[in-house]
PDB file of all heavy atoms in Angstrom:
ATOM      1  N   PRO A   1      -5.557   9.404   8.312  1.00  0.00           N
ATOM      2  CA  PRO A   1      -6.154   9.483   9.646  1.00  0.00           C
ATOM      3  C   PRO A   1      -7.685   9.519   9.691  1.00  0.00           C
ATOM      4  O   PRO A   1      -8.257   9.820  10.747  1.00  0.00           O
ATOM      5  CB  PRO A   1      -5.581  10.789  10.184  1.00  0.00           C
ATOM      6  CG  PRO A   1      -5.460  11.648   8.956  1.00  0.00           C
ATOM      7  CD  PRO A   1      -5.070  10.718   7.850  1.00  0.00           C
ATOM      8  N   GLU A   2      -8.333   9.243   8.573  1.00  0.00           N
ATOM      9  CA  GLU A   2      -9.786   9.173   8.601  1.00  0.00           C
ATOM     10  C   GLU A   2     -10.230   7.863   9.245  1.00  0.00           C
ATOM     11  O   GLU A   2      -9.513   6.862   9.213  1.00  0.00           O
ATOM     12  CB  GLU A   2     -10.348   9.305   7.189  1.00  0.00           C
ATOM     13  CG  GLU A   2     -10.077  10.662   6.552  1.00  0.00           C
ATOM     14  CD  GLU A   2     -10.700  10.795   5.169  1.00  0.00           C
ATOM     15  OE1 GLU A   2     -11.580   9.968   4.848  1.00  0.00           O
ATOM     16  OE2 GLU A   2     -10.302  11.704   4.425  1.00  0.00           O
ATOM     17  N   ALA A   3     -11.423   7.889   9.839  1.00  0.00           N
ATOM     18  CA  ALA A   3     -11.967   6.704  10.495  1.00  0.00           C
ATOM     19  C   ALA A   3     -13.495   6.794  10.480  1.00  0.00           C
ATOM     20  O   ALA A   3     -14.064   7.814  10.063  1.00  0.00           O
ATOM     21  CB  ALA A   3     -11.451   6.603  11.927  1.00  0.00           C
ATOM     22  N   ILE A   4     -14.135   5.734  10.924  1.00  0.00           N
ATOM     23  CA  ILE A   4     -15.595   5.714  11.057  1.00  0.00           C
ATOM     24  C   ILE A   4     -15.936   5.802  12.534  1.00  0.00           C
ATOM     25  O   ILE A   4     -15.400   5.050  13.347  1.00  0.00           O
ATOM     26  CB  ILE A   4     -16.194   4.432  10.443  1.00  0.00           C
ATOM     27  CG1 ILE A   4     -15.857   4.349   8.953  1.00  0.00           C
ATOM     28  CG2 ILE A   4     -17.706   4.404  10.637  1.00  0.00           C
ATOM     29  CD1 ILE A   4     -16.240   3.025   8.326  1.00  0.00           C
ATOM     30  N   TRP A   5     -16.814   6.734  12.885  1.00  0.00           N
ATOM     31  CA  TRP A   5     -17.234   6.948  14.274  1.00  0.00           C
ATOM     32  C   TRP A   5     -18.645   6.403  14.474  1.00  0.00           C
ATOM     33  O   TRP A   5     -19.564   6.737  13.721  1.00  0.00           O
ATOM     34  CB  TRP A   5     -17.205   8.439  14.605  1.00  0.00           C
ATOM     35  CG  TRP A   5     -17.651   8.785  15.997  1.00  0.00           C
ATOM     36  CD1 TRP A   5     -17.086   8.382  17.167  1.00  0.00           C
ATOM     37  CD2 TRP A   5     -18.749   9.629  16.364  1.00  0.00           C
ATOM     38  NE1 TRP A   5     -17.755   8.928  18.240  1.00  0.00           N
ATOM     39  CE2 TRP A   5     -18.788   9.699  17.767  1.00  0.00           C
ATOM     40  CE3 TRP A   5     -19.705  10.349  15.626  1.00  0.00           C
ATOM     41  CZ2 TRP A   5     -19.739  10.445  18.464  1.00  0.00           C
ATOM     42  CZ3 TRP A   5     -20.650  11.089  16.309  1.00  0.00           C
ATOM     43  CH2 TRP A   5     -20.671  11.136  17.709  1.00  0.00           C
ATOM     44  N   TYR A   6     -18.782   5.560  15.473  1.00  0.00           N
ATOM     45  CA  TYR A   6     -20.085   5.021  15.854  1.00  0.00           C
ATOM     46  C   TYR A   6     -20.592   5.817  17.049  1.00  0.00           C
ATOM     47  O   TYR A   6     -20.276   5.517  18.199  1.00  0.00           O
ATOM     48  CB  TYR A   6     -19.972   3.529  16.187  1.00  0.00           C
ATOM     49  CG  TYR A   6     -19.767   2.659  14.967  1.00  0.00           C
ATOM     50  CD1 TYR A   6     -18.535   2.595  14.325  1.00  0.00           C
ATOM     51  CD2 TYR A   6     -20.817   1.911  14.436  1.00  0.00           C
ATOM     52  CE1 TYR A   6     -18.339   1.817  13.191  1.00  0.00           C
ATOM     53  CE2 TYR A   6     -20.641   1.118  13.303  1.00  0.00           C
ATOM     54  CZ  TYR A   6     -19.403   1.081  12.693  1.00  0.00           C
ATOM     55  OH  TYR A   6     -19.230   0.303  11.561  1.00  0.00           O
ATOM     56  N   GLY A   7     -21.349   6.876  16.754  1.00  0.00           N
ATOM     57  CA  GLY A   7     -21.872   7.737  17.806  1.00  0.00           C
ATOM     58  C   GLY A   7     -23.141   7.187  18.413  1.00  0.00           C
ATOM     59  O   GLY A   7     -23.661   6.153  17.979  1.00  0.00           O
ATOM     60  N   PRO A   8     -23.683   7.869  19.409  1.00  0.00           N
ATOM     61  CA  PRO A   8     -24.905   7.391  20.071  1.00  0.00           C
ATOM     62  C   PRO A   8     -26.130   7.410  19.161  1.00  0.00           C
ATOM     63  O   PRO A   8     -27.065   6.639  19.364  1.00  0.00           O
ATOM     64  CB  PRO A   8     -25.065   8.349  21.255  1.00  0.00           C
ATOM     65  CG  PRO A   8     -24.261   9.563  20.896  1.00  0.00           C
ATOM     66  CD  PRO A   8     -23.145   9.084  20.036  1.00  0.00           C
ATOM     67  N   TYR A   9     -26.113   8.288  18.158  1.00  0.00           N
ATOM     68  CA  TYR A   9     -27.288   8.424  17.300  1.00  0.00           C
ATOM     69  C   TYR A   9     -26.989   8.273  15.811  1.00  0.00           C
ATOM     70  O   TYR A   9     -27.909   8.221  14.998  1.00  0.00           O
ATOM     71  CB  TYR A   9     -27.958   9.786  17.526  1.00  0.00           C
ATOM     72  CG  TYR A   9     -28.238  10.079  18.974  1.00  0.00           C
ATOM     73  CD1 TYR A   9     -27.518  11.052  19.659  1.00  0.00           C
ATOM     74  CD2 TYR A   9     -29.200   9.354  19.678  1.00  0.00           C
ATOM     75  CE1 TYR A   9     -27.748  11.306  21.006  1.00  0.00           C
ATOM     76  CE2 TYR A   9     -29.446   9.604  21.024  1.00  0.00           C
ATOM     77  CZ  TYR A   9     -28.713  10.580  21.681  1.00  0.00           C
ATOM     78  OH  TYR A   9     -28.948  10.827  23.007  1.00  0.00           O
ATOM     79  N   ASN A  10     -25.706   8.231  15.452  1.00  0.00           N
ATOM     80  CA  ASN A  10     -25.377   8.124  14.037  1.00  0.00           C
ATOM     81  C   ASN A  10     -24.001   7.513  13.837  1.00  0.00           C
ATOM     82  O   ASN A  10     -23.214   7.372  14.782  1.00  0.00           O
ATOM     83  CB  ASN A  10     -25.448   9.496  13.357  1.00  0.00           C
ATOM     84  CG  ASN A  10     -24.454  10.486  13.943  1.00  0.00           C
ATOM     85  OD1 ASN A  10     -23.913  10.276  15.025  1.00  0.00           O
ATOM     86  ND2 ASN A  10     -24.207  11.569  13.237  1.00  0.00           N
ATOM     87  N   ILE A  11     -23.724   7.152  12.586  1.00  0.00           N
ATOM     88  CA  ILE A  11     -22.426   6.625  12.178  1.00  0.00           C
ATOM     89  C   ILE A  11     -21.911   7.531  11.065  1.00  0.00           C
ATOM     90  O   ILE A  11     -22.637   7.824  10.116  1.00  0.00           O
ATOM     91  CB  ILE A  11     -22.543   5.180  11.668  1.00  0.00           C
ATOM     92  CG1 ILE A  11     -23.116   4.266  12.761  1.00  0.00           C
ATOM     93  CG2 ILE A  11     -21.185   4.660  11.200  1.00  0.00           C
ATOM     94  CD1 ILE A  11     -23.471   2.878  12.258  1.00  0.00           C
ATOM     95  N   LYS A  12     -20.655   7.989  11.201  1.00  0.00           N
ATOM     96  CA  LYS A  12     -20.154   8.910  10.176  1.00  0.00           C
ATOM     97  C   LYS A  12     -18.633   8.869  10.102  1.00  0.00           C
ATOM     98  O   LYS A  12     -17.946   8.350  11.001  1.00  0.00           O
ATOM     99  CB  LYS A  12     -20.625  10.327  10.460  1.00  0.00           C
ATOM    100  CG  LYS A  12     -20.105  10.930  11.766  1.00  0.00           C
ATOM    101  CD  LYS A  12     -20.615  12.360  11.908  1.00  0.00           C
ATOM    102  CE  LYS A  12     -20.070  13.030  13.160  1.00  0.00           C
ATOM    103  NZ  LYS A  12     -20.494  14.440  13.258  1.00  0.00           N
ATOM    104  N   ASN A  13     -18.109   9.454   9.033  1.00  0.00           N
ATOM    105  CA  ASN A  13     -16.666   9.557   8.840  1.00  0.00           C
ATOM    106  C   ASN A  13     -16.120  10.737   9.635  1.00  0.00           C
ATOM    107  O   ASN A  13     -16.730  11.810   9.672  1.00  0.00           O
ATOM    108  CB  ASN A  13     -16.333   9.742   7.358  1.00  0.00           C
ATOM    109  CG  ASN A  13     -16.690   8.525   6.538  1.00  0.00           C
ATOM    110  OD1 ASN A  13     -16.507   7.390   6.980  1.00  0.00           O
ATOM    111  ND2 ASN A  13     -17.197   8.739   5.331  1.00  0.00           N
ATOM    112  N   ILE A  14     -14.975  10.519  10.270  1.00  0.00           N
ATOM    113  CA  ILE A  14     -14.322  11.581  11.039  1.00  0.00           C
ATOM    114  C   ILE A  14     -12.826  11.584  10.722  1.00  0.00           C
ATOM    115  O   ILE A  14     -12.299  10.654  10.113  1.00  0.00           O
ATOM    116  CB  ILE A  14     -14.555  11.395  12.559  1.00  0.00           C
ATOM    117  CG1 ILE A  14     -14.135   9.978  13.008  1.00  0.00           C
ATOM    118  CG2 ILE A  14     -16.007  11.646  12.914  1.00  0.00           C
ATOM    119  CD1 ILE A  14     -12.818   9.872  13.660  1.00  0.00           C
ATOM    120  N   VAL A  15     -12.145  12.650  11.147  1.00  0.00           N
ATOM    121  CA  VAL A  15     -10.686  12.715  11.051  1.00  0.00           C
ATOM    122  C   VAL A  15     -10.120  12.600  12.463  1.00  0.00           C
ATOM    123  O   VAL A  15     -10.486  13.368  13.351  1.00  0.00           O
ATOM    124  CB  VAL A  15     -10.213  14.031  10.397  1.00  0.00           C
ATOM    125  CG1 VAL A  15      -8.679  14.099  10.394  1.00  0.00           C
ATOM    126  CG2 VAL A  15     -10.741  14.135   8.973  1.00  0.00           C
ATOM    127  N   ASN A  16      -9.248  11.635  12.653  1.00  0.00           N
ATOM    128  CA  ASN A  16      -8.659  11.374  13.960  1.00  0.00           C
ATOM    129  C   ASN A  16      -7.421  12.250  14.153  1.00  0.00           C
ATOM    130  O   ASN A  16      -6.433  12.111  13.426  1.00  0.00           O
ATOM    131  CB  ASN A  16      -8.288   9.891  14.055  1.00  0.00           C
ATOM    132  CG  ASN A  16      -7.845   9.487  15.450  1.00  0.00           C
ATOM    133  OD1 ASN A  16      -7.540  10.330  16.292  1.00  0.00           O
ATOM    134  ND2 ASN A  16      -7.797   8.193  15.699  1.00  0.00           N
ATOM    135  N   TRP A  17      -7.491  13.143  15.151  1.00  0.00           N
ATOM    136  CA  TRP A  17      -6.382  14.045  15.449  1.00  0.00           C
ATOM    137  C   TRP A  17      -5.692  13.709  16.769  1.00  0.00           C
ATOM    138  O   TRP A  17      -4.907  14.521  17.279  1.00  0.00           O
ATOM    139  CB  TRP A  17      -6.871  15.488  15.489  1.00  0.00           C
ATOM    140  CG  TRP A  17      -6.976  16.133  14.142  1.00  0.00           C
ATOM    141  CD1 TRP A  17      -8.096  16.292  13.379  1.00  0.00           C
ATOM    142  CD2 TRP A  17      -5.904  16.703  13.384  1.00  0.00           C
ATOM    143  NE1 TRP A  17      -7.792  16.929  12.196  1.00  0.00           N
ATOM    144  CE2 TRP A  17      -6.451  17.202  12.174  1.00  0.00           C
ATOM    145  CE3 TRP A  17      -4.534  16.855  13.600  1.00  0.00           C
ATOM    146  CZ2 TRP A  17      -5.674  17.824  11.202  1.00  0.00           C
ATOM    147  CZ3 TRP A  17      -3.759  17.475  12.634  1.00  0.00           C
ATOM    148  CH2 TRP A  17      -4.330  17.954  11.454  1.00  0.00           C
ATOM    149  N   CYS A  18      -5.958  12.547  17.334  1.00  0.00           N
ATOM    150  CA  CYS A  18      -5.358  12.245  18.639  1.00  0.00           C
ATOM    151  C   CYS A  18      -4.745  10.850  18.700  1.00  0.00           C
ATOM    152  O   CYS A  18      -4.456  10.341  19.781  1.00  0.00           O
ATOM    153  CB  CYS A  18      -6.381  12.422  19.758  1.00  0.00           C
ATOM    154  SG  CYS A  18      -7.884  11.426  19.589  1.00  0.00           S
ATOM    155  N   SER A  19      -4.531  10.228  17.565  1.00  0.00           N
ATOM    156  CA  SER A  19      -3.969   8.876  17.556  1.00  0.00           C
ATOM    157  C   SER A  19      -2.495   8.894  17.921  1.00  0.00           C
ATOM    158  O   SER A  19      -1.743   9.794  17.532  1.00  0.00           O
ATOM    159  CB  SER A  19      -4.143   8.249  16.173  1.00  0.00           C
ATOM    160  OG  SER A  19      -3.488   7.001  16.113  1.00  0.00           O
ATOM    161  N   ASN A  20      -2.061   7.866  18.651  1.00  0.00           N
ATOM    162  CA  ASN A  20      -0.639   7.679  18.927  1.00  0.00           C
ATOM    163  C   ASN A  20       0.069   6.903  17.821  1.00  0.00           C
ATOM    164  O   ASN A  20       1.267   6.615  17.941  1.00  0.00           O
ATOM    165  CB  ASN A  20      -0.448   6.955  20.262  1.00  0.00           C
ATOM    166  CG  ASN A  20      -0.622   7.881  21.444  1.00  0.00           C
ATOM    167  OD1 ASN A  20      -0.502   9.096  21.320  1.00  0.00           O
ATOM    168  ND2 ASN A  20      -0.909   7.318  22.606  1.00  0.00           N
ATOM    169  N   ASP A  21      -0.647   6.549  16.778  1.00  0.00           N
ATOM    170  CA  ASP A  21      -0.027   5.960  15.590  1.00  0.00           C
ATOM    171  C   ASP A  21       0.622   7.111  14.826  1.00  0.00           C
ATOM    172  O   ASP A  21       0.203   7.508  13.741  1.00  0.00           O
ATOM    173  CB  ASP A  21      -1.089   5.248  14.746  1.00  0.00           C
ATOM    174  CG  ASP A  21      -0.503   4.436  13.606  1.00  0.00           C
ATOM    175  OD1 ASP A  21       0.739   4.424  13.455  1.00  0.00           O
ATOM    176  OD2 ASP A  21      -1.280   3.812  12.858  1.00  0.00           O
ATOM    177  N   TYR A  22       1.694   7.653  15.438  1.00  0.00           N
ATOM    178  CA  TYR A  22       2.236   8.954  15.060  1.00  0.00           C
ATOM    179  C   TYR A  22       2.688   9.056  13.605  1.00  0.00           C
ATOM    180  O   TYR A  22       2.672  10.138  13.024  1.00  0.00           O
ATOM    181  CB  TYR A  22       3.422   9.299  15.956  1.00  0.00           C
ATOM    182  CG  TYR A  22       3.073   9.639  17.379  1.00  0.00           C
ATOM    183  CD1 TYR A  22       3.715   9.003  18.444  1.00  0.00           C
ATOM    184  CD2 TYR A  22       2.131  10.621  17.683  1.00  0.00           C
ATOM    185  CE1 TYR A  22       3.432   9.332  19.761  1.00  0.00           C
ATOM    186  CE2 TYR A  22       1.842  10.955  18.988  1.00  0.00           C
ATOM    187  CZ  TYR A  22       2.489  10.299  20.034  1.00  0.00           C
ATOM    188  OH  TYR A  22       2.205  10.636  21.328  1.00  0.00           O
ATOM    189  N   LEU A  23       3.137   7.952  13.023  1.00  0.00           N
ATOM    190  CA  LEU A  23       3.653   7.984  11.654  1.00  0.00           C
ATOM    191  C   LEU A  23       2.776   7.203  10.681  1.00  0.00           C
ATOM    192  O   LEU A  23       3.129   7.053   9.505  1.00  0.00           O
ATOM    193  CB  LEU A  23       5.087   7.441  11.616  1.00  0.00           C
ATOM    194  CG  LEU A  23       6.111   8.179  12.497  1.00  0.00           C
ATOM    195  CD1 LEU A  23       7.475   7.510  12.407  1.00  0.00           C
ATOM    196  CD2 LEU A  23       6.209   9.651  12.116  1.00  0.00           C
ATOM    197  N   GLY A  24       1.649   6.699  11.172  1.00  0.00           N
ATOM    198  CA  GLY A  24       0.736   5.946  10.324  1.00  0.00           C
ATOM    199  C   GLY A  24       1.226   4.557   9.963  1.00  0.00           C
ATOM    200  O   GLY A  24       0.719   3.939   9.016  1.00  0.00           O
ATOM    201  N   MET A  25       2.193   4.027  10.726  1.00  0.00           N
ATOM    202  CA  MET A  25       2.750   2.716  10.395  1.00  0.00           C
ATOM    203  C   MET A  25       1.767   1.575  10.643  1.00  0.00           C
ATOM    204  O   MET A  25       1.935   0.486  10.096  1.00  0.00           O
ATOM    205  CB  MET A  25       4.038   2.485  11.183  1.00  0.00           C
ATOM    206  CG  MET A  25       5.199   3.371  10.759  1.00  0.00           C
ATOM    207  SD  MET A  25       5.630   3.222   9.011  1.00  0.00           S
ATOM    208  CE  MET A  25       6.238   1.533   8.941  1.00  0.00           C
ATOM    209  N   GLY A  26       0.753   1.818  11.460  1.00  0.00           N
ATOM    210  CA  GLY A  26      -0.271   0.801  11.686  1.00  0.00           C
ATOM    211  C   GLY A  26      -1.071   0.471  10.434  1.00  0.00           C
ATOM    212  O   GLY A  26      -1.776  -0.547  10.381  1.00  0.00           O
ATOM    213  N   GLN A  27      -0.946   1.336   9.420  1.00  0.00           N
ATOM    214  CA  GLN A  27      -1.647   1.139   8.154  1.00  0.00           C
ATOM    215  C   GLN A  27      -0.689   0.800   7.011  1.00  0.00           C
ATOM    216  O   GLN A  27      -1.120   0.616   5.877  1.00  0.00           O
ATOM    217  CB  GLN A  27      -2.392   2.425   7.785  1.00  0.00           C
ATOM    218  CG  GLN A  27      -3.307   2.960   8.871  1.00  0.00           C
ATOM    219  CD  GLN A  27      -4.686   2.357   8.775  1.00  0.00           C
ATOM    220  OE1 GLN A  27      -5.334   2.456   7.745  1.00  0.00           O
ATOM    221  NE2 GLN A  27      -5.130   1.722   9.840  1.00  0.00           N
TER     222      GLN A  27
END
């Protein structure tokens, strides 16, 4: 569930806790 976040001032790695890809099958 890690992803890259493109924020207003920076780009960084985050952990996604709200995805509906409930079982990770999209990966």
